[in-house]
Amino acid sequence: MESVTVDFGNGTSKEFLAKLDTGNSTKASTLEVGEFKEVGKYIEFNMEGKPIKLEKIGKSKAKAGEEIYERPIVVVPQITLGLRKLNNVPIALVKSRDNKTTNLLLNRDTMSKMGYVVHPNNAHILTKEMEKVKIV
């Protein structure tokens, strides 16, 4: 687990607790953003009290047990992990990750593009330790 800063554009960024999931080969990483709505080809939600509007580029289909969940995929301008930054990152949005220990799940593709290798026995090697952020 690491703390990751997500830049949403419009001068809005937020630090989240992220799980670096080497076994996750999904189409996009997954981020908890609270309530959001689809308006045409855009996804709208609030972060830190500011409205965010990102273009929907596709859908992710995640299978959990017998159920399949469709999630809209947007591109956030940038994420920062440790000293490395990655631009134009596809992220699937969910209302809540209440049953999970982190706000953000980074998939294998994103970690690879950032050039990180994960050791499963270590947590917070690159970043300060933090708790899961409460999304309102």
C-alpha atoms as a PDB file:
ATOM      1  CA  MET A   1       0.000   0.000   0.000  1.00  0.00           C
ATOM      2  CA  GLU A   2       1.146   3.507  -0.839  1.00  0.00           C
ATOM      3  CA  SER A   3      -0.286   7.007  -0.810  1.00  0.00           C
ATOM      4  CA  VAL A   4      -1.022   8.249  -4.335  1.00  0.00           C
ATOM      5  CA  THR A   5      -1.972  11.762  -5.392  1.00  0.00           C
ATOM      6  CA  VAL A   6      -4.596  11.970  -8.127  1.00  0.00           C
ATOM      7  CA  ASP A   7      -4.756  15.184 -10.159  1.00  0.00           C
ATOM      8  CA  PHE A   8      -8.296  15.675 -11.467  1.00  0.00           C
ATOM      9  CA  GLY A   9      -7.504  18.867 -13.405  1.00  0.00           C
ATOM     10  CA  ASN A  10      -8.911  22.341 -12.640  1.00  0.00           C
ATOM     11  CA  GLY A  11      -6.353  22.659  -9.839  1.00  0.00           C
ATOM     12  CA  THR A  12      -7.964  19.813  -7.879  1.00  0.00           C
ATOM     13  CA  SER A  13      -5.878  16.962  -6.542  1.00  0.00           C
ATOM     14  CA  LYS A  14      -6.262  14.595  -3.615  1.00  0.00           C
ATOM     15  CA  GLU A  15      -4.105  12.038  -1.855  1.00  0.00           C
ATOM     16  CA  PHE A  16      -5.564   8.537  -1.504  1.00  0.00           C
ATOM     17  CA  LEU A  17      -4.493   5.283   0.065  1.00  0.00           C
ATOM     18  CA  ALA A  18      -3.809   2.867  -2.800  1.00  0.00           C
ATOM     19  CA  LYS A  19      -3.250  -0.845  -3.079  1.00  0.00           C
ATOM     20  CA  LEU A  20      -0.699  -1.801  -5.714  1.00  0.00           C
ATOM     21  CA  ASP A  21      -2.260  -5.016  -6.982  1.00  0.00           C
ATOM     22  CA  THR A  22       0.196  -7.039  -9.061  1.00  0.00           C
ATOM     23  CA  GLY A  23      -2.471  -9.660  -9.761  1.00  0.00           C
ATOM     24  CA  ASN A  24      -4.928  -7.110 -11.135  1.00  0.00           C
ATOM     25  CA  SER A  25      -5.001  -7.172 -14.925  1.00  0.00           C
ATOM     26  CA  THR A  26      -8.260  -5.223 -15.284  1.00  0.00           C
ATOM     27  CA  LYS A  27      -8.756  -2.652 -18.029  1.00  0.00           C
ATOM     28  CA  ALA A  28      -8.215   0.272 -15.617  1.00  0.00           C
ATOM     29  CA  SER A  29      -7.321   1.068 -12.027  1.00  0.00           C
ATOM     30  CA  THR A  30     -10.318   1.691  -9.734  1.00  0.00           C
ATOM     31  CA  LEU A  31     -11.000   4.801  -7.612  1.00  0.00           C
ATOM     32  CA  GLU A  32     -13.692   5.533  -5.046  1.00  0.00           C
ATOM     33  CA  VAL A  33     -15.185   9.011  -5.673  1.00  0.00           C
ATOM     34  CA  GLY A  34     -18.558   8.949  -3.913  1.00  0.00           C
ATOM     35  CA  GLU A  35     -21.739   9.866  -5.772  1.00  0.00           C
ATOM     36  CA  PHE A  36     -21.264  10.483  -9.486  1.00  0.00           C
ATOM     37  CA  LYS A  37     -23.533  10.827 -12.479  1.00  0.00           C
ATOM     38  CA  GLU A  38     -23.292  10.262 -16.209  1.00  0.00           C
ATOM     39  CA  VAL A  39     -24.219  13.327 -18.215  1.00  0.00           C
ATOM     40  CA  GLY A  40     -23.936  12.536 -21.906  1.00  0.00           C
ATOM     41  CA  LYS A  41     -20.365  11.480 -22.554  1.00  0.00           C
ATOM     42  CA  TYR A  42     -19.126  12.895 -19.237  1.00  0.00           C
ATOM     43  CA  ILE A  43     -18.934  11.684 -15.651  1.00  0.00           C
ATOM     44  CA  GLU A  44     -19.514  14.371 -13.010  1.00  0.00           C
ATOM     45  CA  PHE A  45     -18.765  14.293  -9.278  1.00  0.00           C
ATOM     46  CA  ASN A  46     -17.395  16.531  -6.527  1.00  0.00           C
ATOM     47  CA  MET A  47     -13.955  16.244  -4.973  1.00  0.00           C
ATOM     48  CA  GLU A  48     -12.801  18.481  -2.143  1.00  0.00           C
ATOM     49  CA  GLY A  49     -15.959  20.544  -2.702  1.00  0.00           C
ATOM     50  CA  LYS A  50     -15.090  21.237  -6.342  1.00  0.00           C
ATOM     51  CA  PRO A  51     -17.056  19.926  -9.332  1.00  0.00           C
ATOM     52  CA  ILE A  52     -15.136  17.488 -11.520  1.00  0.00           C
ATOM     53  CA  LYS A  53     -16.188  16.679 -15.079  1.00  0.00           C
ATOM     54  CA  LEU A  54     -14.239  14.013 -16.976  1.00  0.00           C
ATOM     55  CA  GLU A  55     -14.966  12.432 -20.327  1.00  0.00           C
ATOM     56  CA  LYS A  56     -16.055   8.808 -20.203  1.00  0.00           C
ATOM     57  CA  ILE A  57     -13.814   6.729 -22.488  1.00  0.00           C
ATOM     58  CA  GLY A  58     -15.304   3.302 -21.873  1.00  0.00           C
ATOM     59  CA  LYS A  59     -16.555   0.788 -19.338  1.00  0.00           C
ATOM     60  CA  SER A  60     -14.850  -1.738 -17.138  1.00  0.00           C
ATOM     61  CA  LYS A  61     -16.553  -4.992 -16.269  1.00  0.00           C
ATOM     62  CA  ALA A  62     -15.360  -6.339 -12.931  1.00  0.00           C
ATOM     63  CA  LYS A  63     -16.401  -9.788 -11.767  1.00  0.00           C
ATOM     64  CA  ALA A  64     -16.852 -10.316  -8.030  1.00  0.00           C
ATOM     65  CA  GLY A  65     -18.061 -13.805  -7.279  1.00  0.00           C
ATOM     66  CA  GLU A  66     -21.014 -14.418  -9.580  1.00  0.00           C
ATOM     67  CA  GLU A  67     -21.794 -10.740 -10.149  1.00  0.00           C
ATOM     68  CA  ILE A  68     -20.413  -8.477 -12.862  1.00  0.00           C
ATOM     69  CA  TYR A  69     -20.171  -4.745 -12.149  1.00  0.00           C
ATOM     70  CA  GLU A  70     -19.912  -2.169 -14.922  1.00  0.00           C
ATOM     71  CA  ARG A  71     -17.882   0.905 -14.082  1.00  0.00           C
ATOM     72  CA  PRO A  72     -17.312   4.016 -16.195  1.00  0.00           C
ATOM     73  CA  ILE A  73     -13.706   4.659 -17.179  1.00  0.00           C
ATOM     74  CA  VAL A  74     -12.332   8.201 -17.340  1.00  0.00           C
ATOM     75  CA  VAL A  75      -8.826   9.554 -17.852  1.00  0.00           C
ATOM     76  CA  VAL A  76      -7.360  11.605 -15.010  1.00  0.00           C
ATOM     77  CA  PRO A  77      -4.644  14.071 -16.034  1.00  0.00           C
ATOM     78  CA  GLN A  78      -1.980  12.712 -13.666  1.00  0.00           C
ATOM     79  CA  ILE A  79      -1.186  10.476 -10.715  1.00  0.00           C
ATOM     80  CA  THR A  80       1.884  10.714  -8.512  1.00  0.00           C
ATOM     81  CA  LEU A  81       3.413   7.814  -6.597  1.00  0.00           C
ATOM     82  CA  GLY A  82       6.653   8.481  -4.774  1.00  0.00           C
ATOM     83  CA  LEU A  83       8.835  10.558  -7.103  1.00  0.00           C
ATOM     84  CA  ARG A  84       7.190   9.297 -10.276  1.00  0.00           C
ATOM     85  CA  LYS A  85       4.297  10.807 -12.183  1.00  0.00           C
ATOM     86  CA  LEU A  86       2.120   9.241 -14.857  1.00  0.00           C
ATOM     87  CA  ASN A  87      -0.011  11.339 -17.220  1.00  0.00           C
ATOM     88  CA  ASN A  88      -3.393  10.487 -18.735  1.00  0.00           C
ATOM     89  CA  VAL A  89      -4.258   7.541 -16.515  1.00  0.00           C
ATOM     90  CA  PRO A  90      -7.414   5.506 -17.224  1.00  0.00           C
ATOM     91  CA  ILE A  91      -9.380   4.969 -14.012  1.00  0.00           C
ATOM     92  CA  ALA A  92     -12.677   3.177 -13.428  1.00  0.00           C
ATOM     93  CA  LEU A  93     -14.888   5.024 -10.956  1.00  0.00           C
ATOM     94  CA  VAL A  94     -16.929   3.502  -8.138  1.00  0.00           C
ATOM     95  CA  LYS A  95     -19.170   5.148  -5.575  1.00  0.00           C
ATOM     96  CA  SER A  96     -17.676   3.247  -2.666  1.00  0.00           C
ATOM     97  CA  ARG A  97     -14.982   0.783  -1.680  1.00  0.00           C
ATOM     98  CA  ASP A  98     -16.471   0.410   1.822  1.00  0.00           C
ATOM     99  CA  ASN A  99     -15.591  -3.246   2.038  1.00  0.00           C
ATOM    100  CA  LYS A 100     -11.977  -2.568   0.996  1.00  0.00           C
ATOM    101  CA  THR A 101      -9.025  -1.153   2.937  1.00  0.00           C
ATOM    102  CA  THR A 102      -8.024   1.390   0.273  1.00  0.00           C
ATOM    103  CA  ASN A 103      -9.631   4.092  -1.889  1.00  0.00           C
ATOM    104  CA  LEU A 104      -7.642   3.276  -5.016  1.00  0.00           C
ATOM    105  CA  LEU A 105      -6.672  -0.004  -6.615  1.00  0.00           C
ATOM    106  CA  LEU A 106      -3.783   0.353  -9.056  1.00  0.00           C
ATOM    107  CA  ASN A 107      -3.710  -2.301 -11.744  1.00  0.00           C
ATOM    108  CA  ARG A 108      -0.648  -4.026 -13.164  1.00  0.00           C
ATOM    109  CA  ASP A 109      -0.588  -1.855 -16.316  1.00  0.00           C
ATOM    110  CA  THR A 110      -0.433   1.410 -14.361  1.00  0.00           C
ATOM    111  CA  MET A 111       2.320   0.122 -12.054  1.00  0.00           C
ATOM    112  CA  SER A 112       4.295  -1.131 -15.046  1.00  0.00           C
ATOM    113  CA  LYS A 113       4.080   2.241 -16.804  1.00  0.00           C
ATOM    114  CA  MET A 114       5.382   3.874 -13.630  1.00  0.00           C
ATOM    115  CA  GLY A 115       8.247   1.378 -13.505  1.00  0.00           C
ATOM    116  CA  TYR A 116       7.440  -0.086 -10.088  1.00  0.00           C
ATOM    117  CA  VAL A 117       7.962  -3.607  -8.837  1.00  0.00           C
ATOM    118  CA  VAL A 118       6.088  -4.603  -5.682  1.00  0.00           C
ATOM    119  CA  HIS A 119       7.285  -6.783  -2.835  1.00  0.00           C
ATOM    120  CA  PRO A 120       4.186  -8.256  -1.140  1.00  0.00           C
ATOM    121  CA  ASN A 121       5.681  -8.176   2.367  1.00  0.00           C
ATOM    122  CA  ASN A 122       6.422  -4.446   2.382  1.00  0.00           C
ATOM    123  CA  ALA A 123       3.988  -1.548   2.783  1.00  0.00           C
ATOM    124  CA  HIS A 124       4.630   2.160   2.297  1.00  0.00           C
ATOM    125  CA  ILE A 125       8.170   1.905   1.023  1.00  0.00           C
ATOM    126  CA  LEU A 126       7.966   5.038  -1.127  1.00  0.00           C
ATOM    127  CA  THR A 127       5.379   7.162   0.634  1.00  0.00           C
ATOM    128  CA  LYS A 128       4.285   8.164   4.098  1.00  0.00           C
ATOM    129  CA  GLU A 129       1.895   5.846   5.862  1.00  0.00           C
ATOM    130  CA  MET A 130      -1.704   6.995   5.825  1.00  0.00           C
ATOM    131  CA  GLU A 131      -5.243   5.775   6.505  1.00  0.00           C
ATOM    132  CA  LYS A 132      -8.010   5.255   3.970  1.00  0.00           C
ATOM    133  CA  VAL A 133      -9.620   8.603   3.080  1.00  0.00           C
ATOM    134  CA  LYS A 134     -13.281   9.081   3.921  1.00  0.00           C
ATOM    135  CA  ILE A 135     -15.238   9.995   0.792  1.00  0.00           C
ATOM    136  CA  VAL A 136     -18.276  12.136   1.494  1.00  0.00           C
END
